[in-house]
Amino acid sequence: MAAHPSSRERKARGKSARTGMPRSAHGEWAPAAGRFDPVAMLEEQAGERVPSLVPLRYGRMSRSPFAFFRGGAYLMAADLANGPDSGLEVQLCGDAHLSNFGGFAGPDRRFLFDLNDFDETLAGPFEWDVKRLAASLEVAGRQQGFAPKARRRIVSHSVRAYRETMRRLAGMGNLEVWYERLEFDRAFAQLESRLDAKTLRRAQSNREKARSKDSLRALSKLTTVVDGEHRIVSDPPLIVSASELLAQNGTSHEELDDRVRQLLSAYRRTLSGELRRLFDGYRYVDLARKVVGVGSVGTRAWVVLLMGRDTRDPLFLQVKEAQRSVLEPFTRRSPFRNQGQRVVEGQRLMQAAGDILLGWIRAPGPDGRERDFYVRQLWDEKGSAIVEAMNVPTCDLYGQICGATLARAHARSGDRVAIAAYLGRGETFDDALAAFAEAYADQSEGDHAALLRAIAEGRVTAQAEE
């Protein structure tokens, strides 16, 4: 039976945590003595990835300090493990940078704003996610040429939004917190009075673009008709059709189709009963390997095309490899034996409303090694902010929305009353994380420079995209 301490006891726990770890201590950052070689850490990750795609990952990470930061969650997790620890744990996103928030359609088709990447989710100190968000805002602000005072204001405002939202949620009932969510139209209304007309038009355009990203659009962009059936078109190395992969390993179409259907049957068993009935209305059509993201490049990701009532009723599923969370070496092992289930369960815990078709499987690869995967819809009206198009007011407001959203996600799993008491009413924590973000951005830029040197010296190979 779970313990149920009183609100007073939970507040006391949060305040006592300040004694063990003062909030101001979170502003300190200096690399540990003998800090790891960042390129060696990336090469360690590369050992678990598709070798032919690793140069593409390095190519994407080398583009800019922000691109490097996006792909460097493992590096930052190792650094955070050597830093302050509040002792107040939540279900972490594990990679809560500002590009891993965005809009998507909920099950009721209302357009929501939330975290949208959970590959690294695992339990850990709440501040790890907040620090990753804060540092991402600082790195992005530098890339955009924002002045130091503007960057510090953006970061502190985002952390303040996290703190104030956590304090608001601490006063709410459990079900109220669970039902809490941010609809895009509500967020957009907050922007209308504070942004210029050009920026508002861009935000509205991004929203409409996201709403158009569904399986029908994927059908028109990713497939062609061959002998009366839709087939996914190859665009190597980003998309490689099953037909081309078959030619490489000698597997027949019949063998592949049988194996895919077996795996889809295993995935079906991870869905709830009513969704199994929905899924049974689709038939398998085609399969392709697809490169995704920045940090994820090299992990195995597949796109599965299924058809429902007719050719105007497609369903695209993404089947993405789930490796150990980058947090695991520094926190604890996942309670789930399947890493795909770890991702799905973490997403369900953190998101206010998620993809109804989330599931997981374990599947052997051509090398005979079994790997874990999670399954979701490929395009379900998903969209993210374009960081490169942000000006100072936009980034400031976006950072605040992300900070508030992260607090809501953490409040579902952690002790929101204790965390709110730890954070307090003042700006101590906000100021500390603004200082941390500035110092850690320096470190991340240095790591990016180390990757560029490694590429120039031939230590690693980077592949540029056309």
Protein backbone atom coordinates (compact mmCIF):
# COMPACT_ATOMS: atom_id res chain seq x y z
CA MET A 1 0.00 0.00 0.00
CA ALA A 2 1.42 3.39 -0.98
CA ALA A 3 2.22 5.84 1.79
CA HIS A 4 0.04 8.96 1.93
CA PRO A 5 1.86 11.71 3.83
CA SER A 6 -0.11 14.87 4.54
CA SER A 7 0.37 18.06 2.53
CA ARG A 8 2.15 19.56 5.53
CA GLU A 9 4.59 16.63 5.61
CA ARG A 10 5.16 16.88 1.86
CA LYS A 11 5.88 20.61 2.12
CA ALA A 12 8.28 19.94 4.95
CA ARG A 13 10.08 17.37 2.85
CA GLY A 14 10.53 19.89 0.06
CA LYS A 15 11.80 22.61 2.35
CA SER A 16 14.18 20.25 4.13
CA ALA A 17 15.65 19.28 0.76
CA ARG A 18 16.95 22.86 0.52
CA THR A 19 19.21 22.13 3.48
CA GLY A 20 20.79 19.15 1.78
CA MET A 21 20.94 20.87 -1.60
CA PRO A 22 20.47 24.65 -1.61
CA ARG A 23 18.68 26.00 -4.67
CA SER A 24 21.57 28.34 -5.41
CA ALA A 25 23.87 25.31 -5.81
CA HIS A 26 22.12 24.47 -9.07
CA GLY A 27 23.75 27.51 -10.65
CA GLU A 28 27.20 26.02 -10.34
CA TRP A 29 28.80 24.27 -13.27
CA ALA A 30 32.37 23.21 -13.80
CA PRO A 31 33.50 20.05 -15.58
CA ALA A 32 34.53 17.25 -13.25
CA ALA A 33 38.23 16.51 -12.98
CA GLY A 34 39.19 14.21 -15.81
CA ARG A 35 35.88 14.83 -17.60
CA PHE A 36 35.11 12.40 -20.39
CA ASP A 37 36.11 12.89 -24.03
CA PRO A 38 32.85 13.98 -25.73
CA VAL A 39 33.76 12.38 -29.07
CA ALA A 40 34.57 9.09 -27.33
CA MET A 41 31.15 9.20 -25.68
CA LEU A 42 29.48 9.70 -29.06
CA GLU A 43 31.54 6.86 -30.51
CA GLU A 44 30.37 4.65 -27.64
CA GLN A 45 26.77 5.33 -28.72
CA ALA A 46 27.71 4.73 -32.36
CA GLY A 47 28.65 1.15 -31.51
CA GLU A 48 24.97 0.32 -31.05
CA ARG A 49 23.81 1.98 -34.28
CA VAL A 50 23.61 1.16 -37.97
CA PRO A 51 27.25 1.76 -39.04
CA SER A 52 26.37 3.22 -42.44
CA LEU A 53 24.18 5.90 -40.81
CA VAL A 54 26.60 7.08 -38.11
CA PRO A 55 28.38 9.54 -40.48
CA LEU A 56 24.97 11.09 -41.19
CA ARG A 57 24.46 11.61 -37.46
CA TYR A 58 27.81 13.35 -37.15
CA GLY A 59 26.98 15.44 -40.19
CA ARG A 60 23.75 16.64 -38.61
CA MET A 61 25.33 17.28 -35.22
CA SER A 62 28.18 19.25 -36.76
CA ARG A 63 25.89 21.81 -38.41
CA SER A 64 25.66 24.11 -35.40
CA PRO A 65 26.09 24.21 -31.61
CA PHE A 66 22.31 23.81 -31.21
CA ALA A 67 22.22 20.76 -33.50
CA PHE A 68 25.08 19.30 -31.47
CA PHE A 69 23.23 20.02 -28.23
CA ARG A 70 20.16 18.21 -29.56
CA GLY A 71 22.22 15.09 -30.23
CA GLY A 72 24.21 15.31 -26.99
CA ALA A 73 21.72 14.09 -24.39
CA TYR A 74 24.13 11.34 -23.30
CA LEU A 75 26.90 13.87 -22.67
CA MET A 76 24.67 16.12 -20.60
CA ALA A 77 23.29 13.20 -18.57
CA ALA A 78 26.86 12.24 -17.64
CA ASP A 79 27.55 15.84 -16.61
CA LEU A 80 24.35 16.21 -14.60
CA ALA A 81 25.14 13.02 -12.70
CA ASN A 82 28.18 14.80 -11.25
CA GLY A 83 26.17 17.85 -10.23
CA PRO A 84 23.68 18.81 -7.51
CA ASP A 85 20.81 16.45 -6.71
CA SER A 86 17.67 17.73 -4.99
CA GLY A 87 16.57 14.19 -4.13
CA LEU A 88 13.09 14.95 -5.52
CA GLU A 89 12.38 12.54 -8.35
CA VAL A 90 9.89 12.52 -11.22
CA GLN A 91 9.46 10.66 -14.47
CA LEU A 92 11.96 12.52 -16.61
CA CYS A 93 11.68 13.17 -20.32
CA GLY A 94 15.47 12.77 -20.39
CA ASP A 95 15.87 15.07 -23.39
CA ALA A 96 13.70 18.10 -22.64
CA HIS A 97 15.29 20.59 -25.04
CA LEU A 98 13.00 23.17 -26.61
CA SER A 99 12.69 21.31 -29.95
CA ASN A 100 11.22 18.29 -28.17
CA PHE A 101 8.05 20.21 -27.37
CA GLY A 102 5.38 20.75 -29.97
CA GLY A 103 1.82 20.46 -31.13
CA PHE A 104 -0.16 17.38 -32.09
CA ALA A 105 -3.75 16.22 -32.32
CA GLY A 106 -5.11 14.50 -29.23
CA PRO A 107 -7.51 11.55 -29.41
CA ASP A 108 -10.42 14.00 -29.48
CA ARG A 109 -8.66 15.75 -32.42
CA ARG A 110 -8.11 18.96 -30.48
CA PHE A 111 -4.67 20.40 -31.15
CA LEU A 112 -2.52 20.16 -28.01
CA PHE A 113 0.90 21.41 -26.95
CA ASP A 114 3.12 19.06 -24.96
CA LEU A 115 6.40 17.21 -24.78
CA ASN A 116 6.68 15.00 -27.85
CA ASP A 117 9.87 12.92 -27.48
CA PHE A 118 10.35 10.25 -24.82
CA ASP A 119 13.17 8.07 -26.13
CA GLU A 120 15.23 8.74 -22.99
CA THR A 121 12.45 8.79 -20.39
CA LEU A 122 13.33 7.39 -16.96
CA ALA A 123 12.93 8.39 -13.32
CA GLY A 124 15.41 10.89 -11.90
CA PRO A 125 15.86 14.29 -10.20
CA PHE A 126 13.32 16.79 -11.51
CA GLU A 127 15.95 19.47 -12.09
CA TRP A 128 17.74 17.43 -14.79
CA ASP A 129 14.93 18.10 -17.26
CA VAL A 130 14.68 21.75 -16.25
CA LYS A 131 18.42 22.21 -16.74
CA ARG A 132 18.32 20.63 -20.19
CA LEU A 133 15.50 22.96 -21.22
CA ALA A 134 17.29 25.98 -19.76
CA ALA A 135 20.58 25.17 -21.47
CA SER A 136 18.82 24.58 -24.80
CA LEU A 137 17.31 28.06 -24.63
CA GLU A 138 20.74 29.58 -23.95
CA VAL A 139 22.39 27.64 -26.81
CA ALA A 140 19.56 28.52 -29.21
CA GLY A 141 19.66 32.16 -28.15
CA ARG A 142 23.37 32.36 -28.91
CA GLN A 143 22.80 30.81 -32.31
CA GLN A 144 20.16 33.45 -33.03
CA GLY A 145 22.51 36.25 -31.97
CA PHE A 146 20.46 37.35 -28.95
CA ALA A 147 22.23 39.66 -26.50
CA PRO A 148 23.44 38.10 -23.20
CA LYS A 149 20.84 39.99 -21.12
CA ALA A 150 18.06 38.83 -23.45
CA ARG A 151 19.23 35.22 -23.22
CA ARG A 152 19.38 35.34 -19.44
CA ARG A 153 15.89 36.83 -19.31
CA ILE A 154 14.54 34.11 -21.63
CA VAL A 155 16.03 31.33 -19.51
CA SER A 156 14.95 32.77 -16.16
CA HIS A 157 11.42 33.39 -17.47
CA SER A 158 11.16 29.76 -18.62
CA VAL A 159 12.32 28.47 -15.24
CA ARG A 160 9.98 30.88 -13.46
CA ALA A 161 7.10 29.50 -15.54
CA TYR A 162 8.08 26.00 -14.43
CA ARG A 163 8.25 27.07 -10.79
CA GLU A 164 4.99 29.02 -10.76
CA THR A 165 3.12 26.29 -12.63
CA MET A 166 4.39 23.66 -10.20
CA ARG A 167 3.22 25.81 -7.30
CA ARG A 168 -0.20 26.23 -8.91
CA LEU A 169 -0.50 22.48 -9.52
CA ALA A 170 0.56 21.76 -5.92
CA GLY A 171 -2.70 23.34 -4.80
CA MET A 172 -4.85 21.24 -7.14
CA GLY A 173 -6.42 17.81 -6.63
CA ASN A 174 -4.93 14.70 -8.17
CA LEU A 175 -7.59 14.33 -10.87
CA GLU A 176 -7.41 18.04 -11.69
CA VAL A 177 -3.70 17.69 -12.34
CA TRP A 178 -4.23 14.58 -14.45
CA TYR A 179 -6.81 16.34 -16.62
CA GLU A 180 -4.67 19.47 -17.01
CA ARG A 181 -3.55 20.11 -20.58
CA LEU A 182 -2.63 22.99 -22.86
CA GLU A 183 -4.67 23.37 -26.03
CA PHE A 184 -2.87 25.16 -28.83
CA ASP A 185 -5.65 27.69 -29.36
CA ARG A 186 -5.31 28.76 -25.74
CA ALA A 187 -1.55 29.08 -26.10
CA PHE A 188 -1.99 30.96 -29.37
CA ALA A 189 -4.34 33.40 -27.67
CA GLN A 190 -1.56 34.20 -25.20
CA LEU A 191 0.69 35.10 -28.11
CA GLU A 192 -1.67 37.32 -30.08
CA SER A 193 -1.35 40.38 -27.87
CA ARG A 194 2.40 40.06 -27.39
CA LEU A 195 3.84 39.32 -30.84
CA ASP A 196 4.07 41.28 -34.07
CA ALA A 197 1.88 40.48 -37.05
CA LYS A 198 4.64 38.73 -39.02
CA THR A 199 5.47 36.38 -36.16
CA LEU A 200 1.81 35.63 -35.56
CA ARG A 201 1.34 34.77 -39.23
CA ARG A 202 4.31 32.41 -39.06
CA ALA A 203 2.91 30.71 -35.94
CA GLN A 204 -0.47 30.29 -37.60
CA SER A 205 1.19 28.89 -40.73
CA ASN A 206 3.16 26.39 -38.65
CA ARG A 207 -0.05 25.32 -36.95
CA GLU A 208 -1.84 24.76 -40.25
CA LYS A 209 1.16 22.89 -41.63
CA ALA A 210 1.10 20.58 -38.62
CA ARG A 211 -2.65 19.99 -38.99
CA SER A 212 -2.05 18.86 -42.57
CA LYS A 213 0.54 16.25 -41.54
CA ASP A 214 -1.50 13.08 -41.44
CA SER A 215 -1.39 9.65 -43.05
CA LEU A 216 -3.06 10.88 -46.24
CA ARG A 217 -0.34 13.47 -46.69
CA ALA A 218 2.31 10.86 -45.95
CA LEU A 219 0.73 8.66 -48.61
CA SER A 220 1.09 11.40 -51.22
CA LYS A 221 4.66 12.30 -50.23
CA LEU A 222 6.19 8.92 -49.46
CA THR A 223 4.59 6.47 -51.89
CA THR A 224 3.89 5.71 -55.51
CA VAL A 225 1.50 3.18 -57.08
CA VAL A 226 3.04 -0.01 -58.46
CA ASP A 227 0.78 -2.64 -60.04
CA GLY A 228 -2.23 -1.08 -58.36
CA GLU A 229 -0.67 -1.02 -54.85
CA HIS A 230 0.98 1.82 -52.97
CA ARG A 231 4.70 1.33 -52.33
CA ILE A 232 7.07 3.48 -50.28
CA VAL A 233 9.59 5.22 -52.52
CA SER A 234 13.29 4.96 -51.70
CA ASP A 235 15.35 8.08 -51.10
CA PRO A 236 18.65 6.69 -49.77
CA PRO A 237 20.01 7.03 -47.19
CA LEU A 238 16.99 8.76 -45.60
CA ILE A 239 14.42 6.22 -46.79
CA VAL A 240 15.25 2.73 -48.05
CA SER A 241 12.36 0.58 -49.23
CA ALA A 242 11.91 -3.02 -48.19
CA SER A 243 12.49 -4.10 -51.78
CA GLU A 244 16.03 -2.69 -51.74
CA LEU A 245 16.75 -4.18 -48.34
CA LEU A 246 15.56 -7.56 -49.60
CA ALA A 247 18.06 -7.43 -52.43
CA GLN A 248 20.85 -6.87 -49.87
CA ASN A 249 20.15 -9.85 -47.60
CA GLY A 250 18.47 -12.34 -49.91
CA THR A 251 15.14 -12.51 -48.08
CA SER A 252 12.10 -13.18 -50.26
CA HIS A 253 9.08 -10.88 -50.31
CA GLU A 254 6.96 -13.68 -48.90
CA GLU A 255 9.33 -14.26 -45.98
CA LEU A 256 9.47 -10.56 -45.19
CA ASP A 257 5.70 -10.10 -45.37
CA ASP A 258 5.14 -13.08 -43.07
CA ARG A 259 7.65 -11.75 -40.56
CA VAL A 260 6.17 -8.25 -40.58
CA ARG A 261 2.68 -9.64 -40.03
CA GLN A 262 3.96 -11.68 -37.07
CA LEU A 263 5.51 -8.56 -35.55
CA LEU A 264 2.36 -6.55 -36.12
CA SER A 265 0.45 -9.27 -34.33
CA ALA A 266 2.85 -8.97 -31.38
CA TYR A 267 2.41 -5.18 -31.41
CA ARG A 268 -1.36 -5.62 -31.48
CA ARG A 269 -1.20 -7.46 -28.15
CA THR A 270 0.21 -4.32 -26.46
CA LEU A 271 -2.92 -2.33 -27.42
CA SER A 272 -6.05 -2.23 -25.28
CA GLY A 273 -9.04 -4.31 -26.37
CA GLU A 274 -11.03 -1.64 -28.21
CA LEU A 275 -7.92 -0.49 -30.09
CA ARG A 276 -7.16 -4.03 -31.19
CA ARG A 277 -10.55 -3.98 -32.89
CA LEU A 278 -9.60 -0.72 -34.61
CA PHE A 279 -6.21 -2.09 -35.68
CA ASP A 280 -7.81 -5.24 -37.09
CA GLY A 281 -9.47 -3.06 -39.71
CA TYR A 282 -6.08 -2.43 -41.39
CA ARG A 283 -4.00 -4.68 -43.63
CA TYR A 284 -0.25 -4.59 -44.06
CA VAL A 285 1.00 -3.11 -47.38
CA ASP A 286 4.67 -2.05 -47.29
CA LEU A 287 7.74 -1.34 -45.18
CA ALA A 288 10.79 0.94 -45.37
CA ARG A 289 13.67 2.06 -43.18
CA LYS A 290 13.61 5.80 -42.39
CA VAL A 291 16.22 8.07 -40.81
CA VAL A 292 14.75 10.34 -38.12
CA GLY A 293 15.88 13.19 -35.86
CA VAL A 294 19.39 14.27 -34.93
CA GLY A 295 20.32 12.32 -31.82
CA SER A 296 18.34 9.31 -33.10
CA VAL A 297 20.18 8.97 -36.40
CA GLY A 298 21.66 5.49 -36.64
CA THR A 299 19.08 3.85 -34.43
CA ARG A 300 16.84 1.53 -36.39
CA ALA A 301 13.57 3.14 -37.45
CA TRP A 302 10.98 1.74 -39.82
CA VAL A 303 7.85 3.02 -41.50
CA VAL A 304 4.97 0.60 -41.99
CA LEU A 305 2.14 1.35 -44.41
CA LEU A 306 -1.27 -0.19 -43.75
CA MET A 307 -4.60 0.31 -45.52
CA GLY A 308 -8.06 0.45 -44.01
CA ARG A 309 -11.34 0.71 -45.88
CA ASP A 310 -9.71 1.66 -49.18
CA THR A 311 -6.71 3.49 -50.62
CA ARG A 312 -7.99 6.76 -49.13
CA ASP A 313 -7.77 5.27 -45.64
CA PRO A 314 -4.02 4.75 -44.98
CA LEU A 315 -2.25 4.35 -41.66
CA PHE A 316 1.49 4.93 -41.32
CA LEU A 317 3.18 3.56 -38.24
CA GLN A 318 6.70 4.39 -37.13
CA VAL A 319 8.55 1.50 -35.51
CA LYS A 320 11.55 3.05 -33.75
CA GLU A 321 14.33 1.28 -31.91
CA ALA A 322 14.40 1.88 -28.18
CA GLN A 323 17.82 1.48 -26.63
CA ARG A 324 18.69 1.98 -22.98
CA SER A 325 17.92 5.50 -21.80
CA VAL A 326 21.00 7.73 -21.73
CA LEU A 327 20.04 8.37 -18.10
CA GLU A 328 20.26 4.75 -17.02
CA PRO A 329 24.03 4.58 -16.40
CA PHE A 330 23.63 7.51 -14.00
CA THR A 331 20.30 6.72 -12.28
CA ARG A 332 18.88 3.20 -12.17
CA ARG A 333 17.72 0.42 -14.45
CA SER A 334 14.32 0.66 -16.05
CA PRO A 335 11.66 -1.51 -14.39
CA PHE A 336 10.58 -2.65 -17.85
CA ARG A 337 12.38 -5.49 -19.61
CA ASN A 338 11.44 -4.09 -23.01
CA GLN A 339 12.92 -0.65 -23.69
CA GLY A 340 10.04 0.08 -26.06
CA GLN A 341 7.62 -0.42 -23.20
CA ARG A 342 9.79 1.94 -21.10
CA VAL A 343 9.27 4.67 -23.72
CA VAL A 344 5.54 4.04 -24.05
CA GLU A 345 4.85 3.88 -20.32
CA GLY A 346 6.90 7.03 -19.75
CA GLN A 347 5.04 8.87 -22.49
CA ARG A 348 1.69 7.82 -21.12
CA LEU A 349 2.71 9.04 -17.68
CA MET A 350 4.00 12.43 -18.82
CA GLN A 351 1.73 13.45 -21.69
CA ALA A 352 -1.70 14.90 -20.99
CA ALA A 353 -3.13 13.04 -23.98
CA GLY A 354 -1.19 10.87 -26.37
CA ASP A 355 -1.22 8.68 -29.44
CA ILE A 356 -3.87 5.98 -29.05
CA LEU A 357 -1.74 3.54 -31.08
CA LEU A 358 1.33 3.53 -28.84
CA GLY A 359 2.75 0.04 -28.42
CA TRP A 360 5.97 -1.96 -28.43
CA ILE A 361 7.64 -5.09 -29.79
CA ARG A 362 10.90 -7.04 -29.66
CA ALA A 363 12.24 -8.11 -33.03
CA PRO A 364 15.37 -9.83 -34.39
CA GLY A 365 17.45 -8.00 -36.98
CA PRO A 366 19.34 -9.38 -39.99
CA ASP A 367 22.28 -10.00 -37.63
CA GLY A 368 20.08 -12.26 -35.51
CA ARG A 369 20.20 -9.91 -32.51
CA GLU A 370 16.91 -9.05 -30.83
CA ARG A 371 16.17 -5.36 -30.30
CA ASP A 372 13.35 -3.44 -28.67
CA PHE A 373 11.10 -1.01 -30.53
CA TYR A 374 8.18 1.24 -29.76
CA VAL A 375 5.39 1.93 -32.21
CA ARG A 376 3.42 5.12 -32.85
CA GLN A 377 1.68 6.90 -35.70
CA LEU A 378 4.18 8.45 -38.09
CA TRP A 379 2.32 11.68 -38.75
CA ASP A 380 -0.58 12.57 -36.49
CA GLU A 381 -0.79 16.32 -37.04
CA LYS A 382 2.57 16.82 -35.33
CA GLY A 383 4.53 20.05 -35.47
CA SER A 384 7.40 21.81 -33.68
CA ALA A 385 8.55 25.40 -33.48
CA ILE A 386 11.23 26.49 -35.93
CA VAL A 387 14.01 27.64 -33.62
CA GLU A 388 15.91 29.34 -36.43
CA ALA A 389 12.94 31.63 -37.10
CA MET A 390 12.54 32.86 -33.52
CA ASN A 391 13.18 36.42 -32.41
CA VAL A 392 13.64 37.43 -28.77
CA PRO A 393 9.92 37.92 -27.87
CA THR A 394 8.95 34.66 -29.57
CA CYS A 395 11.68 32.67 -27.87
CA ASP A 396 10.81 34.26 -24.52
CA LEU A 397 7.14 33.27 -24.76
CA TYR A 398 7.91 29.86 -26.20
CA GLY A 399 10.34 29.15 -23.38
CA GLN A 400 7.68 30.06 -20.83
CA ILE A 401 5.15 27.75 -22.45
CA CYS A 402 7.72 24.93 -22.49
CA GLY A 403 8.59 25.55 -18.83
CA ALA A 404 4.94 25.43 -17.78
CA THR A 405 4.37 22.30 -19.88
CA LEU A 406 7.33 20.53 -18.32
CA ALA A 407 6.03 21.31 -14.83
CA ARG A 408 2.66 19.82 -15.71
CA ALA A 409 4.37 16.66 -17.03
CA HIS A 410 6.47 16.31 -13.88
CA ALA A 411 3.51 16.92 -11.57
CA ARG A 412 1.81 13.77 -12.83
CA SER A 413 4.52 11.49 -11.46
CA GLY A 414 6.50 13.39 -8.82
CA ASP A 415 5.57 14.89 -5.49
CA ARG A 416 4.39 18.26 -6.78
CA VAL A 417 3.81 19.59 -3.27
CA ALA A 418 7.38 18.83 -2.19
CA ILE A 419 8.88 20.16 -5.43
CA ALA A 420 6.83 23.36 -5.16
CA ALA A 421 7.99 23.84 -1.57
CA TYR A 422 11.59 23.27 -2.62
CA LEU A 423 11.33 25.84 -5.42
CA GLY A 424 9.62 28.42 -3.20
CA ARG A 425 8.15 31.80 -4.04
CA GLY A 426 11.34 33.69 -4.79
CA GLU A 427 13.63 33.72 -7.82
CA THR A 428 16.56 31.84 -6.31
CA PHE A 429 16.09 28.75 -8.46
CA ASP A 430 15.33 30.82 -11.58
CA ASP A 431 18.55 32.81 -11.20
CA ALA A 432 20.58 29.69 -10.45
CA LEU A 433 19.47 27.91 -13.60
CA ALA A 434 20.09 31.00 -15.73
CA ALA A 435 23.68 30.95 -14.46
CA PHE A 436 23.94 27.22 -15.05
CA ALA A 437 22.59 27.54 -18.60
CA GLU A 438 25.21 30.13 -19.49
CA ALA A 439 28.07 28.05 -18.11
CA TYR A 440 26.83 24.80 -19.63
CA ALA A 441 26.32 26.41 -23.03
CA ASP A 442 30.04 27.24 -22.97
CA GLN A 443 30.76 23.58 -22.28
CA SER A 444 28.45 22.37 -25.04
CA GLU A 445 30.02 24.76 -27.54
CA GLY A 446 33.42 23.38 -26.57
CA ASP A 447 32.17 19.84 -27.14
CA HIS A 448 30.81 20.85 -30.54
CA ALA A 449 34.22 22.28 -31.41
CA ALA A 450 35.78 18.96 -30.34
CA LEU A 451 33.53 17.12 -32.80
CA LEU A 452 34.51 19.50 -35.59
CA ARG A 453 38.19 18.87 -34.83
CA ALA A 454 37.61 15.12 -34.82
CA ILE A 455 35.97 15.38 -38.24
CA ALA A 456 38.77 17.56 -39.62
CA GLU A 457 41.42 15.16 -38.30
CA GLY A 458 39.65 12.11 -39.72
CA ARG A 459 38.94 10.60 -36.31
CA VAL A 460 35.27 10.33 -37.26
CA THR A 461 33.51 10.65 -40.59
CA ALA A 462 30.67 13.09 -41.16
CA GLN A 463 28.29 12.89 -44.10
CA ALA A 464 26.65 16.08 -45.32
CA GLU A 465 23.13 15.97 -46.74
CA GLU A 466 22.28 17.53 -50.07
